[in-house]
């Protein structure tokens, strides 16, 4: 299965206009079908397209991926000219047919996100990527409960004033403790909290805990 996302399509809209940009997408879909006559081609949503190919081996899968990338690099002929598109492609090779469409798309969409972040035109889905996705899902669920009963702790890191030769303040730090007692590093869950918008809950949790500490001091 190959998931293709046409990138920076807003630039195509600005350059050719919306109606012409829609025509480019239509012609792109038709060109995919002509390029892979044995494939099932689908327009997923917006600028995402999927190809399902009857690849039986790793070698044939790699060959199909190369054909697709060469086709994408060459652009498509539309509006009386050759139009080149930016893209990301995710390749998923499976020996089983026991895949639910939603689960398969979830895996490929996550890999597509990684490809965009790392600016990779092509990315093959691997078990390691699957493990990263499951880890992300787990952390997202953990971040939804922001209280001390679910593993969050506020630590204070004292700040020493060299001029006065004494501790003058403290920096408040949030930590996430697993049920087995291990600590999840902040650089793992803080970026996720920022990305999902849960950083606001974490921030207010820290503020509340610090206020309780000052009140009790």
N, C-alpha and C. Protein backbone atom coordinates (compact mmCIF):
# COMPACT_ATOMS: atom_id res chain seq x y z
N UNK A 1 0.86 -1.18 0.00
CA UNK A 1 0.00 0.00 0.00
C UNK A 1 0.89 1.23 0.00
N UNK A 2 0.59 2.16 -0.89
CA UNK A 2 1.36 3.40 -0.99
C UNK A 2 0.43 4.58 -0.72
N UNK A 3 0.79 5.37 0.27
CA UNK A 3 0.04 6.58 0.60
C UNK A 3 0.82 7.78 0.10
N UNK A 4 0.20 8.58 -0.75
CA UNK A 4 0.87 9.73 -1.37
C UNK A 4 0.17 11.00 -0.93
N UNK A 5 0.94 11.95 -0.46
CA UNK A 5 0.39 13.26 -0.13
C UNK A 5 1.08 14.32 -0.98
N UNK A 6 0.28 15.07 -1.72
CA UNK A 6 0.80 16.20 -2.49
C UNK A 6 0.97 17.37 -1.54
N UNK A 7 2.17 17.88 -1.46
CA UNK A 7 2.48 18.93 -0.48
C UNK A 7 2.45 20.32 -1.13
N UNK A 8 2.31 21.31 -0.24
CA UNK A 8 2.36 22.72 -0.65
C UNK A 8 1.36 23.01 -1.77
N UNK A 9 0.18 22.41 -1.68
CA UNK A 9 -0.78 22.59 -2.76
C UNK A 9 -1.35 24.01 -2.79
N UNK A 10 -1.22 24.73 -1.69
CA UNK A 10 -1.68 26.12 -1.68
C UNK A 10 -0.90 26.95 -2.71
N UNK A 11 0.36 26.57 -2.94
CA UNK A 11 1.14 27.27 -3.95
C UNK A 11 0.58 27.01 -5.34
N UNK A 12 0.12 25.78 -5.58
CA UNK A 12 -0.51 25.46 -6.86
C UNK A 12 -1.80 26.28 -7.03
N UNK A 13 -2.58 26.39 -5.95
CA UNK A 13 -3.80 27.20 -6.00
C UNK A 13 -3.50 28.65 -6.35
N UNK A 14 -2.47 29.20 -5.73
CA UNK A 14 -2.12 30.60 -5.99
C UNK A 14 -1.61 30.79 -7.42
N UNK A 15 -0.89 29.81 -7.88
CA UNK A 15 -0.26 29.94 -9.21
C UNK A 15 -1.27 29.76 -10.34
N UNK A 16 -2.16 28.77 -10.22
CA UNK A 16 -3.05 28.44 -11.33
C UNK A 16 -4.51 28.80 -11.08
N UNK A 17 -4.87 29.07 -9.82
CA UNK A 17 -6.27 29.29 -9.50
C UNK A 17 -6.91 27.99 -9.04
N UNK A 18 -8.02 28.12 -8.31
CA UNK A 18 -8.62 26.95 -7.68
C UNK A 18 -9.17 25.95 -8.69
N UNK A 19 -9.84 26.42 -9.73
CA UNK A 19 -10.43 25.50 -10.70
C UNK A 19 -9.34 24.72 -11.43
N UNK A 20 -8.29 25.41 -11.82
CA UNK A 20 -7.19 24.73 -12.51
C UNK A 20 -6.46 23.78 -11.56
N UNK A 21 -6.35 24.16 -10.29
CA UNK A 21 -5.70 23.29 -9.30
C UNK A 21 -6.50 22.00 -9.12
N UNK A 22 -7.83 22.11 -9.12
CA UNK A 22 -8.67 20.91 -9.04
C UNK A 22 -8.43 20.00 -10.25
N UNK A 23 -8.31 20.61 -11.41
CA UNK A 23 -8.04 19.84 -12.62
C UNK A 23 -6.71 19.11 -12.52
N UNK A 24 -5.72 19.75 -11.90
CA UNK A 24 -4.41 19.11 -11.72
C UNK A 24 -4.55 17.86 -10.85
N UNK A 25 -5.38 17.94 -9.79
CA UNK A 25 -5.61 16.77 -8.94
C UNK A 25 -6.29 15.65 -9.71
N UNK A 26 -7.28 16.00 -10.54
CA UNK A 26 -7.95 14.97 -11.35
C UNK A 26 -6.96 14.29 -12.28
N UNK A 27 -6.17 15.10 -12.96
CA UNK A 27 -5.20 14.54 -13.90
C UNK A 27 -4.13 13.72 -13.19
N UNK A 28 -3.79 14.14 -11.98
CA UNK A 28 -2.83 13.37 -11.18
C UNK A 28 -3.39 11.99 -10.86
N UNK A 29 -4.67 11.93 -10.48
CA UNK A 29 -5.30 10.64 -10.16
C UNK A 29 -5.35 9.75 -11.39
N UNK A 30 -5.73 10.33 -12.54
CA UNK A 30 -5.77 9.54 -13.78
C UNK A 30 -4.38 9.04 -14.15
N UNK A 31 -3.37 9.88 -13.97
CA UNK A 31 -2.00 9.49 -14.30
C UNK A 31 -1.52 8.34 -13.41
N UNK A 32 -1.93 8.35 -12.13
CA UNK A 32 -1.59 7.25 -11.23
C UNK A 32 -2.18 5.94 -11.73
N UNK A 33 -3.44 5.98 -12.15
CA UNK A 33 -4.10 4.78 -12.65
C UNK A 33 -3.42 4.26 -13.91
N UNK A 34 -3.01 5.18 -14.80
CA UNK A 34 -2.32 4.74 -16.01
C UNK A 34 -0.95 4.15 -15.70
N UNK A 35 -0.28 4.73 -14.71
CA UNK A 35 1.05 4.27 -14.35
C UNK A 35 1.01 2.89 -13.70
N UNK A 36 -0.07 2.62 -12.95
CA UNK A 36 -0.20 1.34 -12.24
C UNK A 36 -1.55 0.71 -12.59
N UNK A 37 -1.66 0.13 -13.78
CA UNK A 37 -2.95 -0.43 -14.23
C UNK A 37 -3.45 -1.59 -13.37
N UNK A 38 -2.55 -2.28 -12.66
CA UNK A 38 -2.96 -3.40 -11.82
C UNK A 38 -3.30 -2.98 -10.39
N UNK A 39 -3.18 -1.70 -10.12
CA UNK A 39 -3.42 -1.20 -8.76
C UNK A 39 -4.86 -0.71 -8.60
N UNK A 40 -5.28 -0.66 -7.35
CA UNK A 40 -6.53 0.02 -7.01
C UNK A 40 -6.15 1.39 -6.47
N UNK A 41 -6.61 2.43 -7.14
CA UNK A 41 -6.23 3.80 -6.78
C UNK A 41 -7.42 4.51 -6.13
N UNK A 42 -7.14 5.26 -5.06
CA UNK A 42 -8.18 5.96 -4.32
C UNK A 42 -7.74 7.38 -4.02
N UNK A 43 -8.70 8.31 -4.14
CA UNK A 43 -8.48 9.68 -3.67
C UNK A 43 -9.02 9.72 -2.26
N UNK A 44 -8.14 9.82 -1.26
CA UNK A 44 -8.54 9.71 0.14
C UNK A 44 -9.28 10.96 0.61
N UNK A 45 -8.56 12.06 0.65
CA UNK A 45 -9.15 13.34 1.04
C UNK A 45 -8.17 14.44 0.70
N UNK A 46 -8.68 15.57 0.29
CA UNK A 46 -7.80 16.69 -0.01
C UNK A 46 -6.75 16.33 -1.04
N UNK A 47 -5.51 16.24 -0.58
CA UNK A 47 -4.39 15.96 -1.49
C UNK A 47 -3.73 14.62 -1.17
N UNK A 48 -4.49 13.69 -0.61
CA UNK A 48 -3.96 12.36 -0.30
C UNK A 48 -4.54 11.32 -1.25
N UNK A 49 -3.65 10.45 -1.71
CA UNK A 49 -4.05 9.38 -2.62
C UNK A 49 -3.44 8.07 -2.13
N UNK A 50 -4.13 6.95 -2.42
CA UNK A 50 -3.64 5.65 -2.01
C UNK A 50 -3.62 4.70 -3.19
N UNK A 51 -2.56 3.91 -3.26
CA UNK A 51 -2.44 2.84 -4.25
C UNK A 51 -2.32 1.52 -3.51
N UNK A 52 -3.15 0.56 -3.88
CA UNK A 52 -3.04 -0.79 -3.34
C UNK A 52 -2.55 -1.68 -4.46
N UNK A 53 -1.36 -2.24 -4.27
CA UNK A 53 -0.69 -3.02 -5.32
C UNK A 53 -0.53 -4.48 -4.88
N UNK A 54 -0.66 -5.41 -5.81
CA UNK A 54 -0.51 -6.83 -5.48
C UNK A 54 0.95 -7.26 -5.44
N UNK A 55 1.74 -6.60 -4.61
CA UNK A 55 3.15 -6.96 -4.50
C UNK A 55 3.29 -8.21 -3.64
N UNK A 56 4.06 -9.16 -4.12
CA UNK A 56 4.21 -10.42 -3.39
C UNK A 56 5.54 -10.52 -2.66
N UNK A 57 6.50 -9.71 -3.04
CA UNK A 57 7.83 -9.81 -2.45
C UNK A 57 8.37 -8.44 -2.11
N UNK A 58 9.42 -8.44 -1.30
CA UNK A 58 10.11 -7.19 -0.96
C UNK A 58 10.68 -6.53 -2.22
N UNK A 59 11.22 -7.34 -3.12
CA UNK A 59 11.84 -6.81 -4.33
C UNK A 59 10.80 -6.12 -5.21
N UNK A 60 9.65 -6.77 -5.41
CA UNK A 60 8.62 -6.16 -6.26
C UNK A 60 8.05 -4.91 -5.61
N UNK A 61 7.96 -4.90 -4.28
CA UNK A 61 7.49 -3.72 -3.58
C UNK A 61 8.45 -2.55 -3.78
N UNK A 62 9.74 -2.80 -3.66
CA UNK A 62 10.73 -1.75 -3.87
C UNK A 62 10.70 -1.25 -5.31
N UNK A 63 10.47 -2.17 -6.24
CA UNK A 63 10.41 -1.78 -7.65
C UNK A 63 9.21 -0.87 -7.90
N UNK A 64 8.06 -1.20 -7.31
CA UNK A 64 6.88 -0.35 -7.46
C UNK A 64 7.11 1.02 -6.85
N UNK A 65 7.78 1.05 -5.69
CA UNK A 65 8.06 2.33 -5.04
C UNK A 65 8.96 3.20 -5.93
N UNK A 66 9.95 2.59 -6.57
CA UNK A 66 10.85 3.35 -7.45
C UNK A 66 10.09 3.89 -8.67
N UNK A 67 9.20 3.07 -9.22
CA UNK A 67 8.40 3.54 -10.36
C UNK A 67 7.57 4.75 -9.95
N UNK A 68 6.97 4.67 -8.78
CA UNK A 68 6.14 5.78 -8.30
C UNK A 68 6.96 7.03 -8.08
N UNK A 69 8.12 6.90 -7.43
CA UNK A 69 8.95 8.08 -7.14
C UNK A 69 9.47 8.70 -8.43
N UNK A 70 9.84 7.88 -9.41
CA UNK A 70 10.29 8.41 -10.70
C UNK A 70 9.15 9.15 -11.39
N UNK A 71 7.95 8.58 -11.30
CA UNK A 71 6.78 9.23 -11.89
C UNK A 71 6.51 10.58 -11.23
N UNK A 72 6.58 10.62 -9.89
CA UNK A 72 6.32 11.87 -9.17
C UNK A 72 7.38 12.92 -9.46
N UNK A 73 8.64 12.49 -9.58
CA UNK A 73 9.71 13.44 -9.88
C UNK A 73 9.56 14.04 -11.28
N UNK A 74 8.96 13.26 -12.18
CA UNK A 74 8.80 13.76 -13.55
C UNK A 74 7.65 14.73 -13.72
N UNK A 75 6.73 14.76 -12.77
CA UNK A 75 5.58 15.64 -12.87
C UNK A 75 4.53 15.09 -13.81
N UNK A 76 3.42 15.83 -13.97
CA UNK A 76 2.34 15.42 -14.86
C UNK A 76 2.09 16.52 -15.89
N UNK A 77 1.65 16.09 -17.07
CA UNK A 77 1.34 17.08 -18.12
C UNK A 77 -0.11 17.51 -17.95
N UNK A 78 -0.29 18.77 -17.67
CA UNK A 78 -1.64 19.30 -17.45
C UNK A 78 -1.61 20.80 -17.73
N UNK A 79 -2.73 21.32 -18.23
CA UNK A 79 -2.83 22.76 -18.53
C UNK A 79 -1.76 23.18 -19.55
N UNK A 80 -1.48 22.28 -20.49
CA UNK A 80 -0.54 22.52 -21.59
C UNK A 80 0.90 22.70 -21.11
N UNK A 81 1.21 22.14 -19.97
CA UNK A 81 2.57 22.23 -19.46
C UNK A 81 2.85 21.11 -18.48
N UNK A 82 4.13 20.91 -18.16
CA UNK A 82 4.53 19.90 -17.19
C UNK A 82 4.46 20.52 -15.79
N UNK A 83 3.65 19.94 -14.95
CA UNK A 83 3.46 20.47 -13.60
C UNK A 83 4.16 19.55 -12.61
N UNK A 84 5.07 20.11 -11.83
CA UNK A 84 5.81 19.34 -10.84
C UNK A 84 5.21 19.59 -9.45
N UNK A 85 5.04 18.51 -8.72
CA UNK A 85 4.41 18.58 -7.42
C UNK A 85 5.37 18.11 -6.33
N UNK A 86 5.31 18.76 -5.18
CA UNK A 86 6.04 18.28 -4.01
C UNK A 86 5.22 17.17 -3.36
N UNK A 87 5.88 16.22 -2.72
CA UNK A 87 5.15 15.07 -2.22
C UNK A 87 5.87 14.40 -1.06
N UNK A 88 5.10 13.58 -0.33
CA UNK A 88 5.62 12.58 0.61
C UNK A 88 4.94 11.27 0.30
N UNK A 89 5.70 10.19 0.37
CA UNK A 89 5.15 8.86 0.09
C UNK A 89 5.48 7.93 1.25
N UNK A 90 4.49 7.19 1.70
CA UNK A 90 4.68 6.15 2.72
C UNK A 90 4.34 4.81 2.09
N UNK A 91 5.20 3.84 2.32
CA UNK A 91 5.08 2.50 1.73
C UNK A 91 4.85 1.50 2.86
N UNK A 92 3.77 0.72 2.74
CA UNK A 92 3.45 -0.29 3.76
C UNK A 92 3.37 -1.64 3.06
N UNK A 93 4.27 -2.54 3.42
CA UNK A 93 4.30 -3.88 2.83
C UNK A 93 3.75 -4.87 3.84
N UNK A 94 2.73 -5.62 3.45
CA UNK A 94 2.10 -6.57 4.36
C UNK A 94 1.91 -7.91 3.66
N UNK A 95 2.13 -8.97 4.40
CA UNK A 95 1.91 -10.32 3.88
C UNK A 95 0.56 -10.86 4.32
N UNK A 96 -0.23 -10.05 4.99
CA UNK A 96 -1.51 -10.48 5.52
C UNK A 96 -2.63 -9.62 4.97
N UNK A 97 -3.82 -10.19 4.87
CA UNK A 97 -4.99 -9.43 4.45
C UNK A 97 -5.90 -9.11 5.64
N UNK A 98 -5.42 -9.45 6.83
CA UNK A 98 -6.23 -9.25 8.04
C UNK A 98 -6.03 -7.85 8.60
N UNK A 99 -6.17 -6.84 7.76
CA UNK A 99 -6.01 -5.46 8.20
C UNK A 99 -7.34 -4.74 8.07
N UNK A 100 -7.74 -4.06 9.13
CA UNK A 100 -8.89 -3.17 9.04
C UNK A 100 -8.43 -1.87 8.41
N UNK A 101 -9.27 -1.33 7.55
CA UNK A 101 -8.88 -0.13 6.80
C UNK A 101 -8.50 1.02 7.72
N UNK A 102 -9.28 1.22 8.79
CA UNK A 102 -9.00 2.33 9.71
C UNK A 102 -7.67 2.17 10.40
N UNK A 103 -7.34 0.96 10.84
CA UNK A 103 -6.07 0.71 11.52
C UNK A 103 -4.89 0.89 10.57
N UNK A 104 -5.07 0.41 9.34
CA UNK A 104 -3.99 0.54 8.36
C UNK A 104 -3.74 2.01 8.04
N UNK A 105 -4.82 2.78 7.86
CA UNK A 105 -4.65 4.20 7.55
C UNK A 105 -4.02 4.93 8.72
N UNK A 106 -4.38 4.55 9.95
CA UNK A 106 -3.80 5.19 11.13
C UNK A 106 -2.28 5.00 11.15
N UNK A 107 -1.83 3.79 10.85
CA UNK A 107 -0.39 3.52 10.82
C UNK A 107 0.30 4.34 9.74
N UNK A 108 -0.30 4.35 8.56
CA UNK A 108 0.34 5.06 7.45
C UNK A 108 0.29 6.57 7.64
N UNK A 109 -0.79 7.06 8.24
CA UNK A 109 -0.88 8.50 8.50
C UNK A 109 0.18 8.93 9.51
N UNK A 110 0.46 8.08 10.49
CA UNK A 110 1.50 8.41 11.46
C UNK A 110 2.87 8.44 10.77
N UNK A 111 3.13 7.44 9.91
CA UNK A 111 4.39 7.43 9.17
C UNK A 111 4.50 8.64 8.24
N UNK A 112 3.37 9.04 7.67
CA UNK A 112 3.36 10.22 6.79
C UNK A 112 3.71 11.48 7.58
N UNK A 113 3.22 11.55 8.80
CA UNK A 113 3.56 12.67 9.67
C UNK A 113 5.06 12.72 9.94
N UNK A 114 5.66 11.55 10.20
CA UNK A 114 7.11 11.50 10.42
C UNK A 114 7.86 11.93 9.16
N UNK A 115 7.38 11.50 8.01
CA UNK A 115 8.04 11.87 6.75
C UNK A 115 8.01 13.38 6.55
N UNK A 116 6.89 14.02 6.88
CA UNK A 116 6.81 15.47 6.75
C UNK A 116 7.75 16.16 7.73
N UNK A 117 7.76 15.68 8.97
CA UNK A 117 8.62 16.29 9.99
C UNK A 117 10.09 16.20 9.60
N UNK A 118 10.48 15.06 9.03
CA UNK A 118 11.88 14.84 8.69
C UNK A 118 12.21 15.22 7.25
N UNK A 119 11.19 15.78 6.55
CA UNK A 119 11.36 16.22 5.17
C UNK A 119 11.88 15.07 4.28
N UNK A 120 11.24 13.91 4.43
CA UNK A 120 11.62 12.73 3.66
C UNK A 120 10.59 12.52 2.54
N UNK A 121 11.01 12.50 1.28
CA UNK A 121 10.06 12.24 0.20
C UNK A 121 9.45 10.85 0.29
N UNK A 122 10.22 9.88 0.81
CA UNK A 122 9.76 8.49 0.85
C UNK A 122 10.14 7.87 2.19
N UNK A 123 9.19 7.10 2.75
CA UNK A 123 9.44 6.43 4.01
C UNK A 123 8.72 5.09 4.01
N UNK A 124 9.45 4.03 4.34
CA UNK A 124 8.87 2.69 4.46
C UNK A 124 8.44 2.47 5.91
N UNK A 125 7.19 2.04 6.09
CA UNK A 125 6.69 1.74 7.42
C UNK A 125 7.43 0.52 7.97
N UNK A 126 7.89 0.63 9.22
CA UNK A 126 8.64 -0.45 9.85
C UNK A 126 8.04 -0.74 11.22
N UNK A 127 8.50 -1.83 11.84
CA UNK A 127 8.05 -2.16 13.19
C UNK A 127 8.47 -1.09 14.18
N UNK A 128 9.62 -0.47 13.95
CA UNK A 128 10.09 0.59 14.83
C UNK A 128 9.14 1.79 14.79
N UNK A 129 8.66 2.13 13.60
CA UNK A 129 7.69 3.22 13.48
C UNK A 129 6.40 2.85 14.19
N UNK A 130 6.00 1.58 14.08
CA UNK A 130 4.81 1.13 14.78
C UNK A 130 4.96 1.24 16.29
N UNK A 131 6.15 0.92 16.79
CA UNK A 131 6.41 1.03 18.23
C UNK A 131 6.36 2.49 18.67
N UNK A 132 6.89 3.39 17.84
CA UNK A 132 6.83 4.83 18.16
C UNK A 132 5.38 5.30 18.23
N UNK A 133 4.55 4.82 17.30
CA UNK A 133 3.15 5.23 17.28
C UNK A 133 2.42 4.77 18.55
N UNK A 134 2.67 3.51 18.96
CA UNK A 134 2.03 2.99 20.17
C UNK A 134 2.50 3.75 21.40
N UNK A 135 3.79 4.10 21.43
CA UNK A 135 4.32 4.87 22.54
C UNK A 135 3.67 6.24 22.61
N UNK A 136 3.48 6.86 21.46
CA UNK A 136 2.85 8.17 21.40
C UNK A 136 1.40 8.07 21.90
N UNK A 137 0.69 7.03 21.47
CA UNK A 137 -0.69 6.84 21.92
C UNK A 137 -0.75 6.67 23.44
N UNK A 138 0.18 5.89 23.97
CA UNK A 138 0.22 5.66 25.41
C UNK A 138 0.46 6.96 26.17
N UNK A 139 1.45 7.75 25.71
CA UNK A 139 1.76 9.00 26.38
C UNK A 139 0.60 9.99 26.28
N UNK A 140 -0.08 9.99 25.14
CA UNK A 140 -1.22 10.89 24.98
C UNK A 140 -2.30 10.57 26.00
N UNK A 141 -2.56 9.28 26.23
CA UNK A 141 -3.54 8.87 27.23
C UNK A 141 -3.08 9.26 28.64
N UNK A 142 -1.80 9.09 28.91
CA UNK A 142 -1.28 9.44 30.23
C UNK A 142 -1.39 10.94 30.49
N UNK A 143 -1.22 11.73 29.45
CA UNK A 143 -1.24 13.18 29.62
C UNK A 143 -2.65 13.72 29.87
N UNK A 144 -3.65 12.90 29.63
CA UNK A 144 -5.02 13.38 29.79
C UNK A 144 -5.45 13.50 31.25
N UNK A 145 -4.71 12.88 32.15
CA UNK A 145 -5.05 12.96 33.57
C UNK A 145 -3.94 13.72 34.29
N UNK A 146 -4.18 14.95 34.62
CA UNK A 146 -3.14 15.80 35.19
C UNK A 146 -3.38 15.99 36.68
N UNK A 147 -2.94 15.04 37.48
CA UNK A 147 -3.00 15.17 38.93
C UNK A 147 -2.01 14.20 39.55
N UNK A 148 -1.78 14.37 40.83
CA UNK A 148 -0.77 13.57 41.51
C UNK A 148 -1.17 12.11 41.60
N UNK A 149 -2.47 11.81 41.44
CA UNK A 149 -2.91 10.42 41.52
C UNK A 149 -2.54 9.64 40.27
N UNK A 150 -2.16 10.31 39.22
CA UNK A 150 -1.85 9.63 37.97
C UNK A 150 -0.38 9.79 37.58
N UNK A 151 0.45 10.02 38.56
CA UNK A 151 1.89 9.97 38.29
C UNK A 151 2.58 11.29 38.11
N UNK A 152 1.88 12.42 38.16
CA UNK A 152 2.54 13.70 37.96
C UNK A 152 3.08 14.23 39.29
N UNK A 153 4.27 14.74 39.22
CA UNK A 153 4.92 15.29 40.40
C UNK A 153 5.57 16.62 40.03
N UNK A 154 5.61 17.51 40.99
CA UNK A 154 6.33 18.78 40.80
C UNK A 154 7.57 18.74 41.68
N UNK A 155 8.71 18.87 41.05
CA UNK A 155 9.99 18.90 41.76
C UNK A 155 10.49 20.34 41.76
N UNK A 156 11.23 20.68 42.82
CA UNK A 156 11.82 22.01 42.92
C UNK A 156 13.33 21.91 42.79
N UNK A 157 13.85 22.70 41.88
CA UNK A 157 15.30 22.75 41.68
C UNK A 157 15.80 24.09 42.23
N UNK A 158 16.54 24.07 43.32
CA UNK A 158 16.98 25.34 43.94
C UNK A 158 17.95 26.10 43.06
N UNK A 159 17.85 27.41 43.14
CA UNK A 159 18.75 28.31 42.40
C UNK A 159 19.64 29.01 43.42
N UNK A 160 20.94 28.86 43.27
CA UNK A 160 21.91 29.42 44.22
C UNK A 160 22.42 30.76 43.71
N UNK A 161 22.32 31.78 44.55
CA UNK A 161 22.78 33.12 44.21
C UNK A 161 24.23 33.27 44.66
N UNK A 162 25.14 33.36 43.74
CA UNK A 162 26.57 33.45 44.09
C UNK A 162 26.88 34.79 44.76
N UNK A 163 26.14 35.84 44.39
CA UNK A 163 26.42 37.15 44.98
C UNK A 163 26.12 37.15 46.47
N UNK A 164 24.99 36.56 46.85
CA UNK A 164 24.59 36.53 48.27
C UNK A 164 25.01 35.26 48.97
N UNK A 165 25.55 34.32 48.18
CA UNK A 165 25.99 33.05 48.74
C UNK A 165 24.87 32.31 49.49
N UNK A 166 23.71 32.28 48.85
CA UNK A 166 22.60 31.55 49.45
C UNK A 166 21.60 31.16 48.35
N UNK A 167 20.74 30.21 48.69
CA UNK A 167 19.68 29.83 47.77
C UNK A 167 18.62 30.92 47.77
N UNK A 168 18.33 31.48 46.61
CA UNK A 168 17.43 32.62 46.55
C UNK A 168 16.08 32.32 45.91
N UNK A 169 16.00 31.21 45.19
CA UNK A 169 14.73 30.86 44.54
C UNK A 169 14.78 29.39 44.14
N UNK A 170 13.73 28.97 43.46
CA UNK A 170 13.68 27.59 42.99
C UNK A 170 12.91 27.53 41.67
N UNK A 171 13.31 26.62 40.84
CA UNK A 171 12.64 26.40 39.57
C UNK A 171 11.73 25.17 39.72
N UNK A 172 10.47 25.32 39.34
CA UNK A 172 9.54 24.20 39.44
C UNK A 172 9.59 23.37 38.16
N UNK A 173 9.68 22.06 38.33
CA UNK A 173 9.79 21.13 37.21
C UNK A 173 8.73 20.05 37.35
N UNK A 174 8.11 19.68 36.23
CA UNK A 174 7.12 18.62 36.28
C UNK A 174 7.75 17.31 35.82
N UNK A 175 7.38 16.24 36.50
CA UNK A 175 7.87 14.91 36.16
C UNK A 175 6.68 13.96 36.06
N UNK A 176 6.80 12.96 35.22
CA UNK A 176 5.76 11.96 35.04
C UNK A 176 6.32 10.60 35.45
N UNK A 177 5.73 10.03 36.49
CA UNK A 177 6.22 8.76 37.02
C UNK A 177 5.31 7.62 36.55
N UNK A 178 5.94 6.55 36.07
CA UNK A 178 5.22 5.37 35.64
C UNK A 178 4.77 4.56 36.86
N UNK A 179 3.79 3.66 36.69
CA UNK A 179 3.36 2.83 37.82
C UNK A 179 4.47 2.00 38.44
N UNK A 180 5.49 1.64 37.64
CA UNK A 180 6.61 0.86 38.19
C UNK A 180 7.67 1.73 38.86
N UNK A 181 7.42 3.04 38.91
CA UNK A 181 8.35 3.94 39.59
C UNK A 181 9.33 4.65 38.69
N UNK A 182 9.48 4.22 37.45
CA UNK A 182 10.40 4.89 36.53
C UNK A 182 9.84 6.25 36.10
N UNK A 183 10.76 7.12 35.67
CA UNK A 183 10.38 8.47 35.27
C UNK A 183 10.43 8.58 33.75
N UNK A 184 9.36 9.12 33.17
CA UNK A 184 9.37 9.43 31.74
C UNK A 184 10.08 10.76 31.55
N UNK A 185 11.12 10.81 30.74
CA UNK A 185 11.88 12.07 30.56
C UNK A 185 10.99 13.20 30.04
N UNK A 186 11.17 14.41 30.55
CA UNK A 186 10.36 15.55 30.08
C UNK A 186 10.49 15.78 28.57
N UNK A 187 11.67 15.52 28.01
CA UNK A 187 11.83 15.77 26.58
C UNK A 187 11.03 14.79 25.74
N UNK A 188 10.42 13.77 26.38
CA UNK A 188 9.57 12.85 25.66
C UNK A 188 8.11 13.26 25.71
N UNK A 189 7.64 13.72 26.89
CA UNK A 189 6.21 14.02 26.98
C UNK A 189 5.87 15.51 26.84
N UNK A 190 6.82 16.41 27.12
CA UNK A 190 6.52 17.83 26.99
C UNK A 190 6.25 18.24 25.54
N UNK A 191 7.09 17.83 24.55
CA UNK A 191 6.76 18.18 23.16
C UNK A 191 5.40 17.66 22.72
N UNK A 192 5.04 16.46 23.19
CA UNK A 192 3.73 15.91 22.85
C UNK A 192 2.62 16.73 23.48
N UNK A 193 2.83 17.17 24.73
CA UNK A 193 1.84 18.01 25.39
C UNK A 193 1.67 19.34 24.66
N UNK A 194 2.76 19.90 24.17
CA UNK A 194 2.69 21.15 23.41
C UNK A 194 1.95 20.95 22.10
N UNK A 195 2.22 19.83 21.46
CA UNK A 195 1.60 19.55 20.16
C UNK A 195 0.09 19.31 20.28
N UNK A 196 -0.32 18.63 21.33
CA UNK A 196 -1.73 18.27 21.49
C UNK A 196 -2.54 19.32 22.25
N UNK A 197 -1.87 20.37 22.74
CA UNK A 197 -2.57 21.40 23.48
C UNK A 197 -2.73 21.10 24.96
N UNK A 198 -2.22 19.95 25.41
CA UNK A 198 -2.35 19.58 26.82
C UNK A 198 -1.33 20.29 27.70
N UNK A 199 -0.44 21.05 27.08
CA UNK A 199 0.56 21.77 27.84
C UNK A 199 -0.09 22.79 28.78
N UNK A 200 -1.30 23.28 28.43
CA UNK A 200 -1.98 24.26 29.28
C UNK A 200 -2.44 23.60 30.57
N UNK A 201 -2.93 22.35 30.48
CA UNK A 201 -3.31 21.63 31.68
C UNK A 201 -2.11 21.37 32.57
N UNK A 202 -1.00 20.99 31.95
CA UNK A 202 0.21 20.72 32.72
C UNK A 202 0.70 22.00 33.41
N UNK A 203 0.63 23.10 32.68
CA UNK A 203 1.08 24.37 33.25
C UNK A 203 0.26 24.75 34.48
N UNK A 204 -1.06 24.65 34.37
CA UNK A 204 -1.90 25.02 35.50
C UNK A 204 -1.75 24.03 36.65
N UNK A 205 -1.46 22.78 36.34
CA UNK A 205 -1.19 21.81 37.40
C UNK A 205 0.04 22.23 38.20
N UNK A 206 1.11 22.63 37.50
CA UNK A 206 2.33 23.06 38.18
C UNK A 206 2.06 24.32 39.01
N UNK A 207 1.33 25.28 38.43
CA UNK A 207 1.02 26.53 39.14
C UNK A 207 0.24 26.22 40.42
N UNK A 208 -0.73 25.33 40.31
CA UNK A 208 -1.54 24.99 41.48
C UNK A 208 -0.71 24.33 42.57
N UNK A 209 0.17 23.41 42.17
CA UNK A 209 1.01 22.73 43.15
C UNK A 209 1.98 23.69 43.84
N UNK A 210 2.54 24.61 43.07
CA UNK A 210 3.46 25.60 43.65
C UNK A 210 2.72 26.52 44.61
N UNK A 211 1.49 26.90 44.24
CA UNK A 211 0.70 27.76 45.13
C UNK A 211 0.40 27.05 46.45
N UNK A 212 0.09 25.76 46.39
CA UNK A 212 -0.15 25.00 47.62
C UNK A 212 1.11 24.98 48.47
N UNK A 213 2.26 24.82 47.81
CA UNK A 213 3.53 24.79 48.54
C UNK A 213 3.79 26.13 49.24
N UNK A 214 3.55 27.23 48.53
CA UNK A 214 3.79 28.56 49.12
C UNK A 214 2.81 28.83 50.26
N UNK A 215 1.61 28.34 50.09
CA UNK A 215 0.60 28.53 51.14
C UNK A 215 0.97 27.80 52.42
N UNK A 216 1.57 26.62 52.25
CA UNK A 216 1.94 25.81 53.40
C UNK A 216 3.28 26.20 54.02
N UNK A 217 4.02 27.07 53.33
CA UNK A 217 5.37 27.42 53.81
C UNK A 217 5.28 28.42 54.99
